[in-house]
N, C-alpha and C. Protein backbone atom coordinates (compact mmCIF):
# COMPACT_ATOMS: atom_id res chain seq x y z
N MET A 1 146.47 85.20 -58.68
CA MET A 1 145.87 86.29 -59.39
C MET A 1 146.65 86.51 -60.69
N ASP A 2 145.92 86.62 -61.77
CA ASP A 2 146.50 86.81 -63.09
C ASP A 2 146.31 88.27 -63.49
N ILE A 3 147.42 88.97 -63.72
CA ILE A 3 147.34 90.39 -64.06
C ILE A 3 146.60 90.60 -65.38
N ASN A 4 146.68 89.64 -66.30
CA ASN A 4 145.95 89.77 -67.56
C ASN A 4 144.44 89.65 -67.35
N GLU A 5 144.04 88.85 -66.36
CA GLU A 5 142.62 88.77 -66.03
C GLU A 5 142.14 90.10 -65.47
N LEU A 6 142.96 90.74 -64.63
CA LEU A 6 142.61 92.06 -64.13
C LEU A 6 142.46 93.05 -65.27
N TYR A 7 143.37 92.99 -66.23
CA TYR A 7 143.29 93.87 -67.40
C TYR A 7 141.97 93.65 -68.13
N ASN A 8 141.58 92.42 -68.31
CA ASN A 8 140.34 92.12 -69.02
C ASN A 8 139.11 92.60 -68.26
N ARG A 9 139.22 92.71 -66.94
CA ARG A 9 138.06 93.13 -66.14
C ARG A 9 138.04 94.63 -65.85
N LYS A 10 139.00 95.39 -66.36
CA LYS A 10 139.01 96.83 -66.13
C LYS A 10 137.75 97.49 -66.70
N SER A 11 137.15 96.87 -67.69
CA SER A 11 135.95 97.43 -68.30
C SER A 11 134.73 97.38 -67.38
N LEU A 12 134.87 96.74 -66.22
CA LEU A 12 133.78 96.71 -65.24
C LEU A 12 133.63 98.04 -64.51
N PHE A 13 134.52 99.00 -64.83
CA PHE A 13 134.51 100.28 -64.14
C PHE A 13 134.55 101.44 -65.13
N ALA A 14 133.79 102.47 -64.82
CA ALA A 14 133.93 103.75 -65.53
C ALA A 14 135.01 104.51 -64.78
N ILE A 15 135.91 105.16 -65.53
CA ILE A 15 137.05 105.84 -64.92
C ILE A 15 137.05 107.30 -65.33
N ARG A 16 137.32 108.17 -64.36
CA ARG A 16 137.48 109.59 -64.64
C ARG A 16 138.76 110.05 -63.96
N ASN A 17 139.55 110.83 -64.69
CA ASN A 17 140.76 111.42 -64.12
C ASN A 17 140.39 112.71 -63.41
N VAL A 18 140.91 112.84 -62.19
CA VAL A 18 140.73 114.06 -61.40
C VAL A 18 142.10 114.43 -60.87
N GLY A 19 142.76 115.36 -61.56
CA GLY A 19 144.14 115.70 -61.21
C GLY A 19 145.02 114.49 -61.42
N ASN A 20 145.80 114.14 -60.40
CA ASN A 20 146.68 112.97 -60.48
C ASN A 20 146.01 111.70 -59.98
N GLU A 21 144.72 111.79 -59.69
CA GLU A 21 143.98 110.65 -59.17
C GLU A 21 142.97 110.17 -60.19
N LYS A 22 142.42 108.99 -59.94
CA LYS A 22 141.36 108.44 -60.76
C LYS A 22 140.18 108.09 -59.86
N VAL A 23 139.00 108.27 -60.40
CA VAL A 23 137.77 107.87 -59.73
C VAL A 23 137.20 106.70 -60.52
N LEU A 24 136.93 105.59 -59.82
CA LEU A 24 136.38 104.39 -60.44
C LEU A 24 134.95 104.20 -59.96
N VAL A 25 134.07 103.94 -60.90
CA VAL A 25 132.67 103.66 -60.59
C VAL A 25 132.33 102.30 -61.18
N PRO A 26 131.89 101.36 -60.34
CA PRO A 26 131.54 100.04 -60.86
C PRO A 26 130.34 100.10 -61.81
N ILE A 27 130.41 99.31 -62.87
CA ILE A 27 129.32 99.22 -63.85
C ILE A 27 128.77 97.80 -63.79
N LYS A 28 127.45 97.69 -63.66
CA LYS A 28 126.81 96.37 -63.68
C LYS A 28 125.56 96.47 -64.53
N ASN A 29 125.43 95.57 -65.47
CA ASN A 29 124.29 95.59 -66.39
C ASN A 29 124.14 96.95 -67.07
N ASP A 30 125.28 97.52 -67.47
CA ASP A 30 125.35 98.81 -68.18
C ASP A 30 124.87 100.00 -67.35
N ILE A 31 124.86 99.85 -66.03
CA ILE A 31 124.43 100.93 -65.14
C ILE A 31 125.52 101.20 -64.13
N ALA A 32 125.86 102.49 -63.96
CA ALA A 32 126.88 102.87 -62.98
C ALA A 32 126.29 102.78 -61.58
N ASN A 33 127.04 102.19 -60.67
CA ASN A 33 126.64 102.10 -59.27
C ASN A 33 127.24 103.29 -58.53
N MET A 34 126.51 104.38 -58.45
CA MET A 34 127.02 105.62 -57.88
C MET A 34 127.09 105.57 -56.35
N THR A 35 126.62 104.49 -55.74
CA THR A 35 126.73 104.37 -54.28
C THR A 35 128.09 103.84 -53.88
N GLU A 36 128.85 103.32 -54.85
CA GLU A 36 130.18 102.78 -54.57
C GLU A 36 131.18 103.41 -55.53
N ILE A 37 131.83 104.44 -55.08
CA ILE A 37 132.83 105.13 -55.88
C ILE A 37 134.19 104.94 -55.21
N PHE A 38 135.20 104.61 -55.99
CA PHE A 38 136.53 104.35 -55.47
C PHE A 38 137.50 105.37 -56.04
N THR A 39 138.41 105.82 -55.21
CA THR A 39 139.40 106.80 -55.62
C THR A 39 140.79 106.18 -55.54
N LEU A 40 141.56 106.36 -56.61
CA LEU A 40 142.95 105.90 -56.62
C LEU A 40 143.85 107.11 -56.50
N ASN A 41 144.83 107.05 -55.60
CA ASN A 41 145.78 108.14 -55.48
C ASN A 41 146.74 108.11 -56.66
N GLU A 42 147.75 108.95 -56.65
CA GLU A 42 148.67 109.06 -57.78
C GLU A 42 149.36 107.73 -58.10
N VAL A 43 149.82 107.03 -57.07
CA VAL A 43 150.50 105.75 -57.30
C VAL A 43 149.51 104.70 -57.78
N GLY A 44 148.34 104.64 -57.15
CA GLY A 44 147.31 103.70 -57.60
C GLY A 44 146.90 103.97 -59.04
N SER A 45 146.78 105.24 -59.40
CA SER A 45 146.45 105.62 -60.78
C SER A 45 147.54 105.17 -61.75
N PHE A 46 148.79 105.33 -61.31
CA PHE A 46 149.93 104.91 -62.12
C PHE A 46 149.88 103.40 -62.37
N ILE A 47 149.63 102.64 -61.30
CA ILE A 47 149.53 101.19 -61.42
C ILE A 47 148.37 100.81 -62.35
N TRP A 48 147.21 101.44 -62.14
CA TRP A 48 146.03 101.16 -62.97
C TRP A 48 146.37 101.33 -64.46
N ASP A 49 147.06 102.43 -64.77
CA ASP A 49 147.42 102.70 -66.17
C ASP A 49 148.40 101.67 -66.72
N LYS A 50 149.23 101.11 -65.85
CA LYS A 50 150.22 100.12 -66.29
C LYS A 50 149.62 98.73 -66.48
N ILE A 51 148.43 98.51 -65.97
CA ILE A 51 147.73 97.23 -66.19
C ILE A 51 147.14 97.31 -67.60
N ASP A 52 147.95 96.93 -68.57
CA ASP A 52 147.58 97.15 -69.97
C ASP A 52 147.62 95.88 -70.81
N GLY A 53 147.73 94.74 -70.17
CA GLY A 53 147.78 93.50 -70.91
C GLY A 53 149.18 93.14 -71.40
N LYS A 54 150.14 94.05 -71.19
CA LYS A 54 151.52 93.82 -71.63
C LYS A 54 152.48 93.75 -70.44
N ASN A 55 152.29 94.64 -69.47
CA ASN A 55 153.19 94.72 -68.32
C ASN A 55 152.92 93.60 -67.33
N THR A 56 154.01 93.08 -66.77
CA THR A 56 153.90 92.12 -65.68
C THR A 56 153.91 92.89 -64.36
N GLU A 57 153.66 92.17 -63.28
CA GLU A 57 153.74 92.77 -61.95
C GLU A 57 155.14 93.34 -61.72
N GLU A 58 156.14 92.60 -62.15
CA GLU A 58 157.54 93.03 -62.02
C GLU A 58 157.80 94.31 -62.83
N ASP A 59 157.26 94.36 -64.05
CA ASP A 59 157.42 95.55 -64.90
C ASP A 59 156.84 96.78 -64.21
N ILE A 60 155.68 96.61 -63.59
CA ILE A 60 155.01 97.73 -62.94
C ILE A 60 155.82 98.20 -61.73
N ALA A 61 156.34 97.26 -60.95
CA ALA A 61 157.17 97.62 -59.79
C ALA A 61 158.41 98.38 -60.24
N THR A 62 159.04 97.94 -61.31
CA THR A 62 160.22 98.64 -61.84
C THR A 62 159.85 100.05 -62.30
N ALA A 63 158.72 100.18 -62.96
CA ALA A 63 158.27 101.49 -63.42
C ALA A 63 158.03 102.44 -62.24
N ILE A 64 157.51 101.89 -61.14
CA ILE A 64 157.27 102.72 -59.96
C ILE A 64 158.59 103.22 -59.38
N THR A 65 159.59 102.34 -59.31
CA THR A 65 160.88 102.78 -58.77
C THR A 65 161.51 103.85 -59.65
N ASN A 66 161.23 103.81 -60.95
CA ASN A 66 161.75 104.83 -61.86
C ASN A 66 160.98 106.14 -61.78
N GLU A 67 159.70 106.06 -61.46
CA GLU A 67 158.83 107.25 -61.47
C GLU A 67 158.75 107.94 -60.11
N PHE A 68 158.81 107.17 -59.04
CA PHE A 68 158.61 107.69 -57.69
C PHE A 68 159.86 107.42 -56.84
N ASP A 69 159.99 108.14 -55.77
CA ASP A 69 161.12 107.98 -54.86
C ASP A 69 160.84 106.84 -53.89
N VAL A 70 161.01 105.60 -54.39
CA VAL A 70 160.71 104.42 -53.60
C VAL A 70 161.68 103.30 -53.99
N ASP A 71 162.04 102.48 -53.00
CA ASP A 71 162.96 101.37 -53.29
C ASP A 71 162.20 100.20 -53.92
N GLU A 72 162.94 99.27 -54.48
CA GLU A 72 162.37 98.15 -55.23
C GLU A 72 161.47 97.26 -54.38
N LEU A 73 161.90 96.95 -53.16
CA LEU A 73 161.10 96.08 -52.30
C LEU A 73 159.76 96.73 -51.95
N THR A 74 159.79 98.00 -51.62
CA THR A 74 158.55 98.73 -51.31
C THR A 74 157.63 98.75 -52.53
N ALA A 75 158.21 99.01 -53.70
CA ALA A 75 157.41 99.04 -54.94
C ALA A 75 156.76 97.68 -55.19
N LYS A 76 157.52 96.62 -55.04
CA LYS A 76 156.97 95.28 -55.26
C LYS A 76 155.84 94.98 -54.28
N ASN A 77 156.05 95.34 -53.01
CA ASN A 77 155.01 95.10 -52.01
C ASN A 77 153.76 95.94 -52.30
N ASP A 78 153.96 97.20 -52.69
CA ASP A 78 152.83 98.08 -53.00
C ASP A 78 152.04 97.57 -54.20
N VAL A 79 152.74 97.14 -55.23
CA VAL A 79 152.07 96.62 -56.42
C VAL A 79 151.30 95.36 -56.08
N SER A 80 151.92 94.46 -55.35
CA SER A 80 151.26 93.22 -54.97
C SER A 80 150.00 93.49 -54.15
N GLU A 81 150.10 94.37 -53.17
CA GLU A 81 148.95 94.70 -52.33
C GLU A 81 147.85 95.36 -53.16
N PHE A 82 148.23 96.28 -54.03
CA PHE A 82 147.24 96.96 -54.87
C PHE A 82 146.52 95.96 -55.77
N LEU A 83 147.26 95.07 -56.40
CA LEU A 83 146.65 94.10 -57.30
C LEU A 83 145.73 93.13 -56.56
N GLU A 84 146.12 92.75 -55.35
CA GLU A 84 145.25 91.88 -54.54
C GLU A 84 143.94 92.59 -54.20
N ARG A 85 144.04 93.85 -53.79
CA ARG A 85 142.82 94.61 -53.47
C ARG A 85 141.96 94.82 -54.71
N LEU A 86 142.61 95.12 -55.83
CA LEU A 86 141.89 95.31 -57.08
C LEU A 86 141.20 94.02 -57.50
N ASN A 87 141.88 92.90 -57.35
CA ASN A 87 141.30 91.61 -57.67
C ASN A 87 140.05 91.36 -56.83
N THR A 88 140.13 91.65 -55.54
CA THR A 88 138.98 91.48 -54.66
C THR A 88 137.84 92.39 -55.08
N LEU A 89 138.15 93.64 -55.35
CA LEU A 89 137.14 94.62 -55.76
C LEU A 89 136.48 94.18 -57.06
N MET A 90 137.25 93.75 -58.02
CA MET A 90 136.70 93.34 -59.30
C MET A 90 135.89 92.07 -59.19
N SER A 91 136.27 91.18 -58.29
CA SER A 91 135.50 89.95 -58.08
C SER A 91 134.14 90.27 -57.51
N ILE A 92 134.07 91.26 -56.65
CA ILE A 92 132.80 91.66 -56.05
C ILE A 92 131.88 92.28 -57.10
N HIS A 93 132.46 93.00 -58.05
CA HIS A 93 131.68 93.76 -59.02
C HIS A 93 131.63 93.14 -60.41
N LYS A 94 131.72 91.81 -60.48
CA LYS A 94 131.57 91.15 -61.77
C LYS A 94 130.16 91.38 -62.29
N THR A 95 130.05 91.47 -63.61
CA THR A 95 128.72 91.63 -64.19
C THR A 95 127.93 90.34 -64.02
N GLY A 96 126.63 90.49 -63.83
CA GLY A 96 125.82 89.32 -63.58
C GLY A 96 124.95 88.94 -64.73
């Protein structure tokens, strides 16, 4: 999985901030799919924001350890798992 590819595919979703969370709605053929809405918690929202075409997976894990009360190994595992799930989600919702 290439984090830059994930960055390029972020436009497949409409995003709204709700408190410390984000709500993602898949967009296909310029239409929002309101039957599939995804919610990111505070950490997921933080990771989403760090997927900016500049940060590496390692950079994001380091940022999490600086921002949240979590050790480096947990941060790395959380980022890896999140990116894998995001990759799967984005693959499902590619524009056709």
